[in-house]
């Protein structure tokens, strides 16, 4: 309630200030007219056909000044309502104060009126100027007199309209530029949101690749160890070594990721990224989890860093999926080069019974392949499952 009350007070103060400014402007124009009448300023026309006391002129001037209050709500109506006061003053002999006050109404109608009303006022003024020029040329005895009549009759209504039209055009240009700036700011905000979304997706993919593979292997190896009835000491030690290696690798890569996120401009890192030549660590983990991995790897030296890391993650995720979805399978791991591409193939002789083609793992592998302009296919083949990635080495 306090906030609402405070907003109401602020609104009332703003309204009071606005109306105070309007009344001050009206008072200034009226007092200027009174001063001009007091010093007996010369009229703009000879004495009119209507004889009336001086207070009528003051009343006409006051009426024109009060009509300025309609400048924001109905300026064109205020201009139309001022025509009788102008006609009354013309009948008594047009004076400078009334002409100035009516010029203010013209200015307000062109500046604050609607587009249609503003154009209508401009058209009427052009017609008036045309009629005034023709009438001056027809009535005047000489060109000099005609020119004097034109200079007397035309500038007073034309100048306020011209000035208001220029101000209106500048405001419209400013509005267009402001709208364009807002649009550019919105586009920049959308680009920023898209970049943040892409960065979050990249971080989620990296987090999945770094942690999920190791933890999945640890969980499966631990479960296998717990279900062993006749414990083979050598087998037990191998599984425990693999569990420890996966744990240490997970912690190391997690520490590297945290260090990268905390660093300034990504210039600091605690460890180098994983490389494909370290695939034997993945093979040992898969063996400890119950897979039989046949390896055929050649020509994996001097790979671009992006391709090297992508290939390593694809192999890691493929073996992890095989451990989870095809336990006890025989897996063929083939890595080599062909026609400028690094070809990575992981083939399991058992179908991935619980595999989800739309899962995070396959999606992450596809994104990694596309990031280096490569391609990846994954699907069932002759009673098994195959993941094949082709990563362009020369392009990268």
Protein backbone atom coordinates (compact mmCIF):
# COMPACT_ATOMS: atom_id res chain seq x y z
CA UNK A 1 0.00 0.00 0.00
CA UNK A 2 2.90 2.30 0.78
CA UNK A 3 4.40 1.77 -2.67
CA UNK A 4 1.06 2.46 -4.34
CA UNK A 5 0.63 5.58 -2.28
CA UNK A 6 4.12 6.75 -3.17
CA UNK A 7 3.43 6.18 -6.88
CA UNK A 8 0.22 8.20 -6.62
CA UNK A 9 2.05 11.08 -4.97
CA UNK A 10 4.72 11.06 -7.68
CA UNK A 11 2.02 11.05 -10.36
CA UNK A 12 0.20 13.97 -8.69
CA UNK A 13 3.43 15.98 -8.45
CA UNK A 14 4.15 15.35 -12.12
CA UNK A 15 0.66 16.44 -13.13
CA UNK A 16 0.91 19.58 -10.99
CA UNK A 17 4.27 20.48 -12.56
CA UNK A 18 2.91 19.91 -16.07
CA UNK A 19 -0.15 22.07 -15.51
CA UNK A 20 1.95 24.74 -13.80
CA UNK A 21 4.18 24.89 -16.87
CA UNK A 22 1.21 25.20 -19.20
CA UNK A 23 -0.42 27.94 -17.15
CA UNK A 24 2.89 29.82 -16.94
CA UNK A 25 3.25 29.68 -20.72
CA UNK A 26 -0.33 30.89 -21.23
CA UNK A 27 0.19 33.70 -18.73
CA UNK A 28 3.37 34.77 -20.52
CA UNK A 29 1.64 34.95 -23.91
CA UNK A 30 -1.32 36.85 -22.47
CA UNK A 31 0.88 39.33 -20.59
CA UNK A 32 2.94 39.89 -23.75
CA UNK A 33 -0.26 40.72 -25.59
CA UNK A 34 -1.35 43.07 -22.81
CA UNK A 35 1.98 44.89 -23.00
CA UNK A 36 1.67 45.23 -26.78
CA UNK A 37 -1.84 46.63 -26.37
CA UNK A 38 -0.60 48.98 -23.63
CA UNK A 39 2.17 50.46 -25.79
CA UNK A 40 -0.39 50.83 -28.59
CA UNK A 41 1.39 48.50 -31.02
CA UNK A 42 0.33 49.20 -34.59
CA UNK A 43 -2.37 46.97 -36.01
CA UNK A 44 -1.74 44.56 -38.84
CA UNK A 45 -4.76 45.87 -40.73
CA UNK A 46 -6.73 49.04 -40.98
CA UNK A 47 -9.64 49.56 -38.64
CA UNK A 48 -12.27 46.92 -39.17
CA UNK A 49 -15.94 47.18 -39.80
CA UNK A 50 -16.82 46.33 -36.20
CA UNK A 51 -16.55 48.93 -33.47
CA UNK A 52 -16.15 47.41 -30.00
CA UNK A 53 -14.58 48.42 -26.70
CA UNK A 54 -11.00 47.39 -25.86
CA UNK A 55 -12.05 44.73 -23.39
CA UNK A 56 -13.36 42.67 -26.32
CA UNK A 57 -9.85 42.45 -27.70
CA UNK A 58 -8.55 41.37 -24.29
CA UNK A 59 -11.26 38.73 -24.11
CA UNK A 60 -10.43 37.41 -27.59
CA UNK A 61 -6.75 37.25 -26.65
CA UNK A 62 -7.59 35.44 -23.40
CA UNK A 63 -9.76 32.91 -25.24
CA UNK A 64 -6.95 32.11 -27.70
CA UNK A 65 -4.50 31.69 -24.83
CA UNK A 66 -6.80 29.35 -22.90
CA UNK A 67 -7.23 27.16 -25.99
CA UNK A 68 -3.54 26.29 -25.71
CA UNK A 69 -4.50 23.97 -22.84
CA UNK A 70 -5.77 21.53 -25.48
CA UNK A 71 -2.36 21.15 -27.10
CA UNK A 72 -1.86 17.50 -26.05
CA UNK A 73 -5.42 16.19 -26.14
CA UNK A 74 -7.04 17.95 -29.12
CA UNK A 75 -4.78 20.63 -30.66
CA UNK A 76 -6.66 20.59 -33.97
CA UNK A 77 -9.95 21.18 -32.14
CA UNK A 78 -8.31 24.04 -30.24
CA UNK A 79 -7.19 25.59 -33.53
CA UNK A 80 -10.70 25.31 -34.97
CA UNK A 81 -12.18 26.79 -31.80
CA UNK A 82 -9.79 29.75 -32.10
CA UNK A 83 -11.10 30.75 -35.52
CA UNK A 84 -14.09 32.74 -34.10
CA UNK A 85 -11.77 34.75 -31.85
CA UNK A 86 -9.49 35.44 -34.82
CA UNK A 87 -12.48 36.43 -36.94
CA UNK A 88 -13.69 38.79 -34.22
CA UNK A 89 -10.30 40.49 -34.06
CA UNK A 90 -10.11 40.76 -37.84
CA UNK A 91 -13.56 42.38 -37.86
CA UNK A 92 -12.27 44.96 -35.39
CA UNK A 93 -8.92 45.28 -37.23
CA UNK A 94 -6.32 42.51 -36.87
CA UNK A 95 -3.79 43.11 -34.09
CA UNK A 96 -0.35 41.61 -33.44
CA UNK A 97 -1.16 39.96 -30.03
CA UNK A 98 -4.08 37.97 -31.47
CA UNK A 99 -2.02 36.99 -34.53
CA UNK A 100 0.79 35.72 -32.28
CA UNK A 101 -1.64 33.78 -30.04
CA UNK A 102 -3.31 32.19 -33.07
CA UNK A 103 0.13 31.36 -34.46
CA UNK A 104 0.77 29.40 -31.27
CA UNK A 105 -2.39 27.38 -31.93
CA UNK A 106 -1.19 26.63 -35.47
CA UNK A 107 2.18 25.53 -34.10
CA UNK A 108 0.54 23.22 -31.54
CA UNK A 109 -1.86 21.70 -34.10
CA UNK A 110 0.94 20.86 -36.55
CA UNK A 111 3.31 19.59 -33.87
CA UNK A 112 1.02 17.65 -31.52
CA UNK A 113 -1.92 16.82 -33.77
CA UNK A 114 -2.41 13.50 -35.51
CA UNK A 115 -0.75 12.92 -38.86
CA UNK A 116 -4.02 13.53 -40.70
CA UNK A 117 -4.82 16.69 -38.73
CA UNK A 118 -1.30 18.05 -39.20
CA UNK A 119 -1.41 17.45 -42.96
CA UNK A 120 -4.85 19.06 -43.12
CA UNK A 121 -3.56 22.21 -41.39
CA UNK A 122 -0.60 22.38 -43.79
CA UNK A 123 -2.93 22.05 -46.82
CA UNK A 124 -5.25 24.76 -45.50
CA UNK A 125 -2.29 27.08 -44.92
CA UNK A 126 -1.00 26.48 -48.45
CA UNK A 127 -4.43 27.33 -49.78
CA UNK A 128 -4.52 30.46 -47.62
CA UNK A 129 -1.10 31.56 -48.86
CA UNK A 130 -2.17 30.96 -52.46
CA UNK A 131 -5.40 32.91 -52.02
CA UNK A 132 -3.55 35.73 -50.21
CA UNK A 133 -0.98 36.03 -53.00
CA UNK A 134 -3.63 36.09 -55.73
CA UNK A 135 -5.80 38.56 -53.83
CA UNK A 136 -2.83 40.85 -53.16
CA UNK A 137 -1.89 40.85 -56.83
CA UNK A 138 -5.46 41.62 -57.87
CA UNK A 139 -6.25 44.26 -55.27
CA UNK A 140 -2.95 46.15 -55.02
CA UNK A 141 -2.29 49.14 -57.26
CA UNK A 142 1.38 48.23 -57.69
CA UNK A 143 3.72 45.28 -57.25
CA UNK A 144 5.32 47.00 -54.28
CA UNK A 145 2.01 47.27 -52.46
CA UNK A 146 1.16 43.66 -53.37
CA UNK A 147 4.50 42.49 -52.00
CA UNK A 148 3.91 44.43 -48.78
CA UNK A 149 0.48 42.80 -48.37
CA UNK A 150 1.92 39.33 -48.98
CA UNK A 151 4.74 39.87 -46.46
CA UNK A 152 2.19 41.09 -43.93
CA UNK A 153 -0.43 38.36 -44.40
CA UNK A 154 1.58 35.20 -45.09
CA UNK A 155 4.57 34.87 -42.69
CA UNK A 156 2.60 35.04 -39.42
CA UNK A 157 0.56 31.84 -40.05
CA UNK A 158 3.20 30.15 -42.24
CA UNK A 159 6.21 30.49 -39.92
CA UNK A 160 4.68 28.61 -36.92
CA UNK A 161 3.55 25.79 -39.23
CA UNK A 162 6.98 25.54 -40.88
CA UNK A 163 8.74 25.54 -37.52
CA UNK A 164 6.38 22.95 -36.04
CA UNK A 165 6.73 20.75 -39.14
CA UNK A 166 10.52 20.76 -38.79
CA UNK A 167 10.34 19.94 -35.08
CA UNK A 168 7.85 17.13 -35.79
CA UNK A 169 10.09 15.66 -38.47
CA UNK A 170 13.08 15.74 -36.16
CA UNK A 171 11.06 14.02 -33.43
CA UNK A 172 9.91 11.34 -35.86
CA UNK A 173 13.48 10.78 -36.99
CA UNK A 174 14.56 10.52 -33.36
CA UNK A 175 11.74 8.03 -32.69
CA UNK A 176 12.81 5.92 -35.67
CA UNK A 177 16.42 5.96 -34.53
CA UNK A 178 15.35 5.10 -30.99
CA UNK A 179 13.25 2.20 -32.28
CA UNK A 180 16.17 1.04 -34.40
CA UNK A 181 18.50 1.25 -31.41
CA UNK A 182 15.99 -0.74 -29.33
CA UNK A 183 15.76 -3.31 -32.10
CA UNK A 184 19.55 -3.60 -32.31
CA UNK A 185 19.71 -3.91 -28.53
CA UNK A 186 17.08 -6.67 -28.68
CA UNK A 187 19.02 -8.46 -31.42
CA UNK A 188 22.20 -8.16 -29.36
CA UNK A 189 20.32 -9.55 -26.35
CA UNK A 190 19.05 -12.48 -28.43
CA UNK A 191 22.57 -13.10 -29.70
CA UNK A 192 23.85 -13.02 -26.15
CA UNK A 193 21.14 -15.45 -25.01
CA UNK A 194 21.94 -17.74 -27.95
CA UNK A 195 25.64 -17.62 -27.08
CA UNK A 196 24.86 -18.40 -23.44
CA UNK A 197 22.60 -21.27 -24.48
CA UNK A 198 25.29 -22.66 -26.80
CA UNK A 199 27.91 -22.31 -24.08
CA UNK A 200 25.69 -24.07 -21.56
CA UNK A 201 25.04 -26.88 -24.05
CA UNK A 202 28.77 -27.18 -24.64
CA UNK A 203 29.47 -27.27 -20.91
CA UNK A 204 26.75 -29.90 -20.40
CA UNK A 205 28.22 -32.01 -23.18
CA UNK A 206 31.73 -31.72 -21.75
CA UNK A 207 30.49 -32.50 -18.26
CA UNK A 208 28.69 -35.57 -19.57
CA UNK A 209 31.75 -36.75 -21.49
CA UNK A 210 34.16 -36.10 -18.64
CA UNK A 211 32.18 -37.47 -15.72
CA UNK A 212 29.50 -39.84 -17.03
CA UNK A 213 31.92 -42.17 -18.75
CA UNK A 214 34.19 -42.57 -15.76
CA UNK A 215 31.39 -42.86 -13.22
CA UNK A 216 29.47 -45.33 -15.37
CA UNK A 217 32.56 -47.51 -15.66
CA UNK A 218 33.16 -47.27 -11.90
CA UNK A 219 29.55 -48.26 -11.14
CA UNK A 220 29.60 -51.23 -13.52
CA UNK A 221 33.02 -52.42 -12.39
CA UNK A 222 32.03 -52.13 -8.73
CA UNK A 223 28.82 -54.07 -9.39
CA UNK A 224 30.74 -56.79 -11.21
CA UNK A 225 33.20 -57.00 -8.35
CA UNK A 226 30.43 -57.30 -5.77
CA UNK A 227 28.71 -60.10 -7.70
CA UNK A 228 31.85 -62.21 -8.03
CA UNK A 229 31.41 -65.36 -5.98
CA UNK A 230 34.76 -67.01 -6.50
CA UNK A 231 36.98 -64.02 -6.26
CA UNK A 232 40.03 -64.15 -8.50
CA UNK A 233 42.65 -62.02 -6.73
CA UNK A 234 44.24 -60.95 -10.02
CA UNK A 235 40.86 -60.06 -11.49
CA UNK A 236 39.91 -58.21 -8.35
CA UNK A 237 43.12 -56.18 -8.41
CA UNK A 238 42.62 -55.35 -12.09
CA UNK A 239 39.08 -54.10 -11.43
CA UNK A 240 40.16 -52.06 -8.43
CA UNK A 241 43.05 -50.54 -10.41
CA UNK A 242 40.58 -49.59 -13.14
CA UNK A 243 38.19 -48.12 -10.56
CA UNK A 244 40.99 -46.05 -9.08
CA UNK A 245 42.22 -44.95 -12.51
CA UNK A 246 38.72 -43.87 -13.55
CA UNK A 247 38.25 -42.03 -10.24
CA UNK A 248 41.56 -40.19 -10.55
CA UNK A 249 40.89 -39.34 -14.21
CA UNK A 250 37.43 -38.07 -13.36
CA UNK A 251 38.75 -35.87 -10.56
CA UNK A 252 41.60 -34.60 -12.74
CA UNK A 253 39.36 -33.65 -15.63
CA UNK A 254 36.79 -32.12 -13.29
CA UNK A 255 39.55 -30.04 -11.69
CA UNK A 256 40.69 -28.95 -15.15
CA UNK A 257 37.16 -27.91 -16.10
CA UNK A 258 36.67 -25.96 -12.87
CA UNK A 259 40.03 -24.29 -13.37
CA UNK A 260 39.05 -23.31 -16.90
CA UNK A 261 35.76 -21.82 -15.73
CA UNK A 262 37.46 -19.86 -12.96
CA UNK A 263 40.34 -18.61 -15.07
CA UNK A 264 40.50 -15.20 -16.68
CA UNK A 265 39.68 -15.40 -20.41
CA UNK A 266 40.28 -19.14 -20.30
CA UNK A 267 44.07 -18.68 -20.28
CA UNK A 268 44.75 -20.95 -17.34
CA UNK A 269 44.35 -24.72 -17.26
CA UNK A 270 45.51 -27.31 -14.82
CA UNK A 271 45.92 -30.20 -17.29
CA UNK A 272 46.17 -30.70 -21.01
CA UNK A 273 43.09 -32.13 -22.75
CA UNK A 274 42.79 -35.84 -23.34
CA UNK A 275 44.46 -37.18 -26.52
CA UNK A 276 43.57 -40.11 -28.71
CA UNK A 277 46.91 -41.78 -28.09
CA UNK A 278 45.67 -42.39 -24.53
CA UNK A 279 42.97 -44.75 -25.83
CA UNK A 280 44.64 -47.71 -24.03
CA UNK A 281 43.33 -46.26 -20.74
CA UNK A 282 39.79 -46.51 -22.10
CA UNK A 283 40.44 -50.06 -23.29
CA UNK A 284 41.71 -51.14 -19.87
CA UNK A 285 38.61 -49.68 -18.22
CA UNK A 286 36.33 -51.49 -20.68
CA UNK A 287 38.20 -54.76 -20.13
CA UNK A 288 37.81 -54.39 -16.39
CA UNK A 289 34.08 -53.85 -16.88
CA UNK A 290 33.74 -57.17 -18.72
CA UNK A 291 34.14 -56.23 -22.37
CA UNK A 292 36.59 -57.86 -24.75
CA UNK A 293 38.11 -55.13 -26.87
CA UNK A 294 40.02 -55.86 -30.08
CA UNK A 295 42.09 -52.89 -31.10
CA UNK A 296 43.23 -51.82 -34.54
CA UNK A 297 44.75 -48.36 -34.33
CA UNK A 298 47.21 -46.69 -36.67
CA UNK A 299 48.38 -43.28 -37.81
CA UNK A 300 46.97 -41.22 -34.93
CA UNK A 301 49.96 -38.94 -34.46
CA UNK A 302 50.04 -35.24 -35.37
CA UNK A 303 46.28 -34.81 -35.25
CA UNK A 304 44.74 -31.34 -34.89
CA UNK A 305 43.85 -30.73 -31.25
CA UNK A 306 40.10 -30.40 -31.91
CA UNK A 307 39.96 -33.62 -33.95
CA UNK A 308 42.15 -35.42 -31.41
CA UNK A 309 39.89 -34.51 -28.48
CA UNK A 310 36.68 -35.22 -30.42
CA UNK A 311 37.91 -38.66 -31.47
CA UNK A 312 38.93 -39.48 -27.90
CA UNK A 313 35.51 -38.48 -26.53
CA UNK A 314 33.71 -40.47 -29.23
CA UNK A 315 35.73 -43.58 -28.37
CA UNK A 316 35.12 -43.00 -24.65
CA UNK A 317 31.36 -42.59 -25.06
CA UNK A 318 31.09 -45.56 -27.46
CA UNK A 319 32.87 -47.91 -25.04
CA UNK A 320 30.81 -46.56 -22.13
CA UNK A 321 27.59 -47.25 -24.05
CA UNK A 322 28.82 -50.75 -24.85
CA UNK A 323 29.58 -51.38 -21.18
CA UNK A 324 26.12 -50.16 -20.13
CA UNK A 325 23.96 -51.61 -22.90
CA UNK A 326 25.88 -54.65 -24.17
CA UNK A 327 27.70 -56.12 -21.15
CA UNK A 328 30.14 -58.94 -21.90
CA UNK A 329 30.25 -58.13 -25.61
CA UNK A 330 33.27 -58.30 -27.88
CA UNK A 331 34.02 -54.86 -29.26
CA UNK A 332 36.18 -54.00 -32.25
CA UNK A 333 37.89 -50.61 -32.02
CA UNK A 334 39.29 -49.39 -35.33
CA UNK A 335 40.99 -46.03 -35.80
CA UNK A 336 42.81 -44.96 -38.94
CA UNK A 337 42.97 -42.43 -41.75
CA UNK A 338 41.18 -42.60 -45.09
CA UNK A 339 40.99 -39.95 -47.82
CA UNK A 340 42.00 -37.10 -45.52
CA UNK A 341 39.63 -38.20 -42.75
CA UNK A 342 40.24 -39.79 -39.39
CA UNK A 343 37.86 -42.76 -39.23
CA UNK A 344 36.77 -44.03 -35.82
CA UNK A 345 34.72 -47.22 -35.65
CA UNK A 346 33.44 -49.02 -32.57
CA UNK A 347 31.56 -52.24 -33.40
CA UNK A 348 29.90 -54.47 -30.79
CA UNK A 349 28.82 -58.03 -31.51
CA UNK A 350 25.79 -57.64 -29.27
CA UNK A 351 22.81 -55.36 -29.90
CA UNK A 352 22.45 -52.41 -27.56
CA UNK A 353 19.37 -53.75 -25.79
CA UNK A 354 18.73 -50.62 -23.74
CA UNK A 355 20.25 -48.07 -26.08
CA UNK A 356 18.36 -44.89 -26.64
CA UNK A 357 19.15 -43.40 -30.08
CA UNK A 358 18.03 -39.97 -28.87
CA UNK A 359 20.01 -40.15 -25.64
CA UNK A 360 22.52 -37.63 -24.44
CA UNK A 361 25.51 -39.79 -25.32
CA UNK A 362 24.72 -40.17 -29.02
CA UNK A 363 23.70 -36.51 -29.24
CA UNK A 364 26.98 -35.44 -27.65
CA UNK A 365 29.00 -37.60 -30.06
CA UNK A 366 27.14 -36.13 -33.03
CA UNK A 367 27.77 -32.59 -31.79
CA UNK A 368 31.46 -33.32 -31.32
CA UNK A 369 31.71 -34.67 -34.88
CA UNK A 370 29.82 -31.69 -36.33
CA UNK A 371 32.02 -29.26 -34.36
CA UNK A 372 35.02 -30.30 -36.51
CA UNK A 373 32.91 -30.54 -39.71
CA UNK A 374 32.73 -34.29 -39.51
CA UNK A 375 29.89 -36.81 -39.49
CA UNK A 376 28.78 -39.62 -37.21
CA UNK A 377 26.43 -42.54 -37.72
CA UNK A 378 25.25 -44.96 -35.08
CA UNK A 379 22.87 -47.87 -35.38
CA UNK A 380 22.37 -51.64 -35.41
CA UNK A 381 24.38 -53.85 -37.80
CA UNK A 382 24.05 -57.64 -38.21
CA UNK A 383 23.24 -58.53 -34.64
CA UNK A 384 25.39 -55.81 -33.13
CA UNK A 385 25.82 -52.06 -32.86
CA UNK A 386 28.19 -49.77 -34.70
CA UNK A 387 29.36 -46.22 -34.18
CA UNK A 388 31.31 -44.72 -37.10
CA UNK A 389 32.75 -41.21 -37.17
CA UNK A 390 34.59 -39.53 -40.01
CA UNK A 391 36.52 -36.43 -38.92
CA UNK A 392 38.28 -34.35 -41.60
CA UNK A 393 41.93 -33.97 -40.63
CA UNK A 394 43.15 -31.71 -43.42
CA UNK A 395 40.22 -29.26 -43.11
CA UNK A 396 40.63 -29.05 -39.34
